[in-house]
Amino acid sequence: MRVEVDRDLCQGHGMCEMEAPDVFEAGRDTVTILNPTPDESRRAQVEAAVRYCPTQALKIVED
């Protein structure tokens, strides 16, 4: 899996970082993806981060 962020939608709320702090780091206005290809052991956390993003700026792309 690969995680992507739409920087036009992201507002840096930080919900993703709360769900998966080893994958996302919220900045002032946008998020940085620390690990764009997390392993399967992180799937539940990453899916929660995508689900709870208030602006729906995150998505998982299956490779």
PDB file of N, CA and C in Angstrom:
ATOM      1  N   MET A   1       0.842  -1.181   0.000  1.00  0.00           N
ATOM      2  CA  MET A   1       0.000   0.000   0.000  1.00  0.00           C
ATOM      3  C   MET A   1       0.878   1.231   0.000  1.00  0.00           C
ATOM      4  N   ARG A   2       0.339   2.278  -0.593  1.00  0.00           N
ATOM      5  CA  ARG A   2       1.021   3.569  -0.638  1.00  0.00           C
ATOM      6  C   ARG A   2       0.018   4.627  -0.171  1.00  0.00           C
ATOM      7  N   VAL A   3       0.497   5.578   0.612  1.00  0.00           N
ATOM      8  CA  VAL A   3      -0.352   6.647   1.137  1.00  0.00           C
ATOM      9  C   VAL A   3      -0.053   7.922   0.368  1.00  0.00           C
ATOM     10  N   GLU A   4      -1.121   8.620  -0.031  1.00  0.00           N
ATOM     11  CA  GLU A   4      -0.965   9.885  -0.745  1.00  0.00           C
ATOM     12  C   GLU A   4      -1.805  10.963  -0.069  1.00  0.00           C
ATOM     13  N   VAL A   5      -1.341  12.203  -0.204  1.00  0.00           N
ATOM     14  CA  VAL A   5      -2.078  13.343   0.341  1.00  0.00           C
ATOM     15  C   VAL A   5      -2.335  14.348  -0.781  1.00  0.00           C
ATOM     16  N   ASP A   6      -3.539  14.878  -0.793  1.00  0.00           N
ATOM     17  CA  ASP A   6      -3.895  15.959  -1.710  1.00  0.00           C
ATOM     18  C   ASP A   6      -3.630  17.257  -0.953  1.00  0.00           C
ATOM     19  N   ARG A   7      -2.542  17.906  -1.281  1.00  0.00           N
ATOM     20  CA  ARG A   7      -2.132  19.119  -0.547  1.00  0.00           C
ATOM     21  C   ARG A   7      -3.092  20.292  -0.751  1.00  0.00           C
ATOM     22  N   ASP A   8      -3.902  20.238  -1.805  1.00  0.00           N
ATOM     23  CA  ASP A   8      -4.907  21.283  -2.009  1.00  0.00           C
ATOM     24  C   ASP A   8      -6.047  21.149  -1.000  1.00  0.00           C
ATOM     25  N   LEU A   9      -6.300  19.921  -0.532  1.00  0.00           N
ATOM     26  CA  LEU A   9      -7.370  19.681   0.435  1.00  0.00           C
ATOM     27  C   LEU A   9      -6.886  19.726   1.888  1.00  0.00           C
ATOM     28  N   CYS A  10      -5.644  19.300   2.110  1.00  0.00           N
ATOM     29  CA  CYS A  10      -5.121  19.186   3.478  1.00  0.00           C
ATOM     30  C   CYS A  10      -5.043  20.555   4.152  1.00  0.00           C
ATOM     31  N   GLN A  11      -5.509  20.608   5.395  1.00  0.00           N
ATOM     32  CA  GLN A  11      -5.465  21.832   6.184  1.00  0.00           C
ATOM     33  C   GLN A  11      -4.651  21.667   7.460  1.00  0.00           C
ATOM     34  N   GLY A  12      -4.001  20.519   7.626  1.00  0.00           N
ATOM     35  CA  GLY A  12      -3.121  20.307   8.772  1.00  0.00           C
ATOM     36  C   GLY A  12      -3.841  20.111  10.091  1.00  0.00           C
ATOM     37  N   HIS A  13      -5.016  19.513  10.069  1.00  0.00           N
ATOM     38  CA  HIS A  13      -5.767  19.281  11.310  1.00  0.00           C
ATOM     39  C   HIS A  13      -5.050  18.330  12.261  1.00  0.00           C
ATOM     40  N   GLY A  14      -4.302  17.385  11.720  1.00  0.00           N
ATOM     41  CA  GLY A  14      -3.511  16.486  12.552  1.00  0.00           C
ATOM     42  C   GLY A  14      -4.193  15.208  12.999  1.00  0.00           C
ATOM     43  N   MET A  15      -5.392  14.950  12.520  1.00  0.00           N
ATOM     44  CA  MET A  15      -6.066  13.703  12.892  1.00  0.00           C
ATOM     45  C   MET A  15      -5.251  12.493  12.442  1.00  0.00           C
ATOM     46  N   CYS A  16      -4.631  12.600  11.283  1.00  0.00           N
ATOM     47  CA  CYS A  16      -3.830  11.484  10.768  1.00  0.00           C
ATOM     48  C   CYS A  16      -2.644  11.188  11.681  1.00  0.00           C
ATOM     49  N   GLU A  17      -2.012  12.236  12.170  1.00  0.00           N
ATOM     50  CA  GLU A  17      -0.867  12.036  13.067  1.00  0.00           C
ATOM     51  C   GLU A  17      -1.309  11.381  14.373  1.00  0.00           C
ATOM     52  N   MET A  18      -2.485  11.713  14.854  1.00  0.00           N
ATOM     53  CA  MET A  18      -2.983  11.076  16.076  1.00  0.00           C
ATOM     54  C   MET A  18      -3.237   9.591  15.864  1.00  0.00           C
ATOM     55  N   GLU A  19      -3.691   9.220  14.674  1.00  0.00           N
ATOM     56  CA  GLU A  19      -3.994   7.817  14.368  1.00  0.00           C
ATOM     57  C   GLU A  19      -2.749   7.011  14.027  1.00  0.00           C
ATOM     58  N   ALA A  20      -1.809   7.621  13.316  1.00  0.00           N
ATOM     59  CA  ALA A  20      -0.606   6.902  12.867  1.00  0.00           C
ATOM     60  C   ALA A  20       0.613   7.831  12.930  1.00  0.00           C
ATOM     61  N   PRO A  21       1.112   8.104  14.132  1.00  0.00           N
ATOM     62  CA  PRO A  21       2.200   9.071  14.283  1.00  0.00           C
ATOM     63  C   PRO A  21       3.522   8.658  13.634  1.00  0.00           C
ATOM     64  N   ASP A  22       3.692   7.377  13.361  1.00  0.00           N
ATOM     65  CA  ASP A  22       4.920   6.943  12.699  1.00  0.00           C
ATOM     66  C   ASP A  22       4.829   7.081  11.178  1.00  0.00           C
ATOM     67  N   VAL A  23       3.644   7.411  10.669  1.00  0.00           N
ATOM     68  CA  VAL A  23       3.441   7.548   9.222  1.00  0.00           C
ATOM     69  C   VAL A  23       3.224   9.012   8.832  1.00  0.00           C
ATOM     70  N   PHE A  24       2.558   9.793   9.699  1.00  0.00           N
ATOM     71  CA  PHE A  24       2.202  11.179   9.373  1.00  0.00           C
ATOM     72  C   PHE A  24       2.750  12.156  10.405  1.00  0.00           C
ATOM     73  N   GLU A  25       3.098  13.349   9.930  1.00  0.00           N
ATOM     74  CA  GLU A  25       3.479  14.445  10.811  1.00  0.00           C
ATOM     75  C   GLU A  25       2.740  15.693  10.338  1.00  0.00           C
ATOM     76  N   ALA A  26       1.870  16.195  11.194  1.00  0.00           N
ATOM     77  CA  ALA A  26       1.066  17.358  10.831  1.00  0.00           C
ATOM     78  C   ALA A  26       1.872  18.633  11.021  1.00  0.00           C
ATOM     79  N   GLY A  27       1.829  19.466   9.993  1.00  0.00           N
ATOM     80  CA  GLY A  27       2.468  20.771  10.071  1.00  0.00           C
ATOM     81  C   GLY A  27       1.415  21.832  10.298  1.00  0.00           C
ATOM     82  N   ARG A  28       1.789  23.036  10.114  1.00  0.00           N
ATOM     83  CA  ARG A  28       0.858  24.134  10.345  1.00  0.00           C
ATOM     84  C   ARG A  28      -0.306  24.136   9.353  1.00  0.00           C
ATOM     85  N   ASP A  29      -0.002  23.884   8.083  1.00  0.00           N
ATOM     86  CA  ASP A  29      -1.037  23.940   7.050  1.00  0.00           C
ATOM     87  C   ASP A  29      -1.209  22.645   6.268  1.00  0.00           C
ATOM     88  N   THR A  30      -0.311  21.706   6.444  1.00  0.00           N
ATOM     89  CA  THR A  30      -0.372  20.467   5.672  1.00  0.00           C
ATOM     90  C   THR A  30       0.322  19.352   6.438  1.00  0.00           C
ATOM     91  N   VAL A  31       0.203  18.164   5.932  1.00  0.00           N
ATOM     92  CA  VAL A  31       0.806  16.997   6.565  1.00  0.00           C
ATOM     93  C   VAL A  31       2.012  16.536   5.748  1.00  0.00           C
ATOM     94  N   THR A  32       2.989  15.989   6.440  1.00  0.00           N
ATOM     95  CA  THR A  32       4.118  15.338   5.799  1.00  0.00           C
ATOM     96  C   THR A  32       3.941  13.848   5.988  1.00  0.00           C
ATOM     97  N   ILE A  33       4.086  13.115   4.922  1.00  0.00           N
ATOM     98  CA  ILE A  33       4.018  11.662   5.029  1.00  0.00           C
ATOM     99  C   ILE A  33       5.432  11.163   5.300  1.00  0.00           C
ATOM    100  N   LEU A  34       5.646  10.677   6.503  1.00  0.00           N
ATOM    101  CA  LEU A  34       6.964  10.208   6.915  1.00  0.00           C
ATOM    102  C   LEU A  34       7.314   8.877   6.274  1.00  0.00           C
ATOM    103  N   ASN A  35       6.302   8.057   6.058  1.00  0.00           N
ATOM    104  CA  ASN A  35       6.503   6.733   5.480  1.00  0.00           C
ATOM    105  C   ASN A  35       5.399   6.482   4.456  1.00  0.00           C
ATOM    106  N   PRO A  36       5.635   6.818   3.186  1.00  0.00           N
ATOM    107  CA  PRO A  36       4.575   6.682   2.178  1.00  0.00           C
ATOM    108  C   PRO A  36       4.202   5.241   1.843  1.00  0.00           C
ATOM    109  N   THR A  37       5.035   4.282   2.232  1.00  0.00           N
ATOM    110  CA  THR A  37       4.736   2.875   1.962  1.00  0.00           C
ATOM    111  C   THR A  37       4.849   2.055   3.249  1.00  0.00           C
ATOM    112  N   PRO A  38       3.956   2.305   4.193  1.00  0.00           N
ATOM    113  CA  PRO A  38       4.025   1.551   5.455  1.00  0.00           C
ATOM    114  C   PRO A  38       3.723   0.073   5.229  1.00  0.00           C
ATOM    115  N   ASP A  39       4.271  -0.767   6.101  1.00  0.00           N
ATOM    116  CA  ASP A  39       4.019  -2.199   5.950  1.00  0.00           C
ATOM    117  C   ASP A  39       2.616  -2.548   6.458  1.00  0.00           C
ATOM    118  N   GLU A  40       2.215  -3.754   6.177  1.00  0.00           N
ATOM    119  CA  GLU A  40       0.855  -4.208   6.488  1.00  0.00           C
ATOM    120  C   GLU A  40       0.518  -4.143   7.977  1.00  0.00           C
ATOM    121  N   SER A  41       1.515  -4.184   8.828  1.00  0.00           N
ATOM    122  CA  SER A  41       1.244  -4.110  10.270  1.00  0.00           C
ATOM    123  C   SER A  41       0.669  -2.751  10.668  1.00  0.00           C
ATOM    124  N   ARG A  42       0.815  -1.760   9.815  1.00  0.00           N
ATOM    125  CA  ARG A  42       0.305  -0.405  10.078  1.00  0.00           C
ATOM    126  C   ARG A  42      -1.028  -0.136   9.375  1.00  0.00           C
ATOM    127  N   ARG A  43      -1.540  -1.101   8.640  1.00  0.00           N
ATOM    128  CA  ARG A  43      -2.740  -0.882   7.824  1.00  0.00           C
ATOM    129  C   ARG A  43      -3.917  -0.323   8.622  1.00  0.00           C
ATOM    130  N   ALA A  44      -4.233  -0.897   9.756  1.00  0.00           N
ATOM    131  CA  ALA A  44      -5.392  -0.441  10.533  1.00  0.00           C
ATOM    132  C   ALA A  44      -5.229   1.017  10.955  1.00  0.00           C
ATOM    133  N   GLN A  45      -4.021   1.406  11.358  1.00  0.00           N
ATOM    134  CA  GLN A  45      -3.769   2.791  11.758  1.00  0.00           C
ATOM    135  C   GLN A  45      -3.907   3.737  10.565  1.00  0.00           C
ATOM    136  N   VAL A  46      -3.337   3.337   9.433  1.00  0.00           N
ATOM    137  CA  VAL A  46      -3.395   4.187   8.239  1.00  0.00           C
ATOM    138  C   VAL A  46      -4.830   4.303   7.735  1.00  0.00           C
ATOM    139  N   GLU A  47      -5.571   3.215   7.738  1.00  0.00           N
ATOM    140  CA  GLU A  47      -6.973   3.273   7.317  1.00  0.00           C
ATOM    141  C   GLU A  47      -7.778   4.191   8.239  1.00  0.00           C
ATOM    142  N   ALA A  48      -7.498   4.169   9.532  1.00  0.00           N
ATOM    143  CA  ALA A  48      -8.186   5.072  10.468  1.00  0.00           C
ATOM    144  C   ALA A  48      -7.812   6.519  10.171  1.00  0.00           C
ATOM    145  N   ALA A  49      -6.558   6.772   9.873  1.00  0.00           N
ATOM    146  CA  ALA A  49      -6.122   8.133   9.542  1.00  0.00           C
ATOM    147  C   ALA A  49      -6.846   8.646   8.303  1.00  0.00           C
ATOM    148  N   VAL A  50      -6.971   7.800   7.296  1.00  0.00           N
ATOM    149  CA  VAL A  50      -7.679   8.187   6.066  1.00  0.00           C
ATOM    150  C   VAL A  50      -9.159   8.432   6.374  1.00  0.00           C
ATOM    151  N   ARG A  51      -9.753   7.546   7.134  1.00  0.00           N
ATOM    152  CA  ARG A  51     -11.186   7.638   7.458  1.00  0.00           C
ATOM    153  C   ARG A  51     -11.507   8.902   8.258  1.00  0.00           C
ATOM    154  N   TYR A  52     -10.646   9.272   9.198  1.00  0.00           N
ATOM    155  CA  TYR A  52     -10.942  10.392  10.090  1.00  0.00           C
ATOM    156  C   TYR A  52     -10.411  11.740   9.602  1.00  0.00           C
ATOM    157  N   CYS A  53      -9.787  11.770   8.438  1.00  0.00           N
ATOM    158  CA  CYS A  53      -9.303  13.051   7.901  1.00  0.00           C
ATOM    159  C   CYS A  53     -10.507  13.949   7.628  1.00  0.00           C
ATOM    160  N   PRO A  54     -10.591  15.109   8.285  1.00  0.00           N
ATOM    161  CA  PRO A  54     -11.776  15.966   8.127  1.00  0.00           C
ATOM    162  C   PRO A  54     -11.965  16.522   6.713  1.00  0.00           C
ATOM    163  N   THR A  55     -10.900  16.633   5.953  1.00  0.00           N
ATOM    164  CA  THR A  55     -11.018  17.176   4.596  1.00  0.00           C
ATOM    165  C   THR A  55     -10.896  16.097   3.523  1.00  0.00           C
ATOM    166  N   GLN A  56     -10.785  14.844   3.936  1.00  0.00           N
ATOM    167  CA  GLN A  56     -10.650  13.712   3.007  1.00  0.00           C
ATOM    168  C   GLN A  56      -9.478  13.901   2.051  1.00  0.00           C
ATOM    169  N   ALA A  57      -8.369  14.402   2.602  1.00  0.00           N
ATOM    170  CA  ALA A  57      -7.172  14.689   1.795  1.00  0.00           C
ATOM    171  C   ALA A  57      -6.262  13.485   1.617  1.00  0.00           C
ATOM    172  N   LEU A  58      -6.512  12.408   2.355  1.00  0.00           N
ATOM    173  CA  LEU A  58      -5.643  11.234   2.300  1.00  0.00           C
ATOM    174  C   LEU A  58      -6.301  10.093   1.543  1.00  0.00           C
ATOM    175  N   LYS A  59      -5.459   9.279   0.910  1.00  0.00           N
ATOM    176  CA  LYS A  59      -5.979   8.068   0.275  1.00  0.00           C
ATOM    177  C   LYS A  59      -4.901   6.997   0.296  1.00  0.00           C
ATOM    178  N   ILE A  60      -5.371   5.763   0.256  1.00  0.00           N
ATOM    179  CA  ILE A  60      -4.490   4.609   0.155  1.00  0.00           C
ATOM    180  C   ILE A  60      -4.564   4.102  -1.275  1.00  0.00           C
ATOM    181  N   VAL A  61      -3.418   3.900  -1.877  1.00  0.00           N
ATOM    182  CA  VAL A  61      -3.309   3.344  -3.219  1.00  0.00           C
ATOM    183  C   VAL A  61      -2.707   1.957  -3.065  1.00  0.00           C
ATOM    184  N   GLU A  62      -3.408   0.965  -3.556  1.00  0.00           N
ATOM    185  CA  GLU A  62      -2.892  -0.402  -3.487  1.00  0.00           C
ATOM    186  C   GLU A  62      -1.938  -0.642  -4.642  1.00  0.00           C
ATOM    187  N   ASP A  63      -0.759  -1.112  -4.335  1.00  0.00           N
ATOM    188  CA  ASP A  63       0.260  -1.388  -5.369  1.00  0.00           C
ATOM    189  C   ASP A  63       0.119  -2.772  -5.931  1.00  0.00           C
TER     190      ASP A  63
END
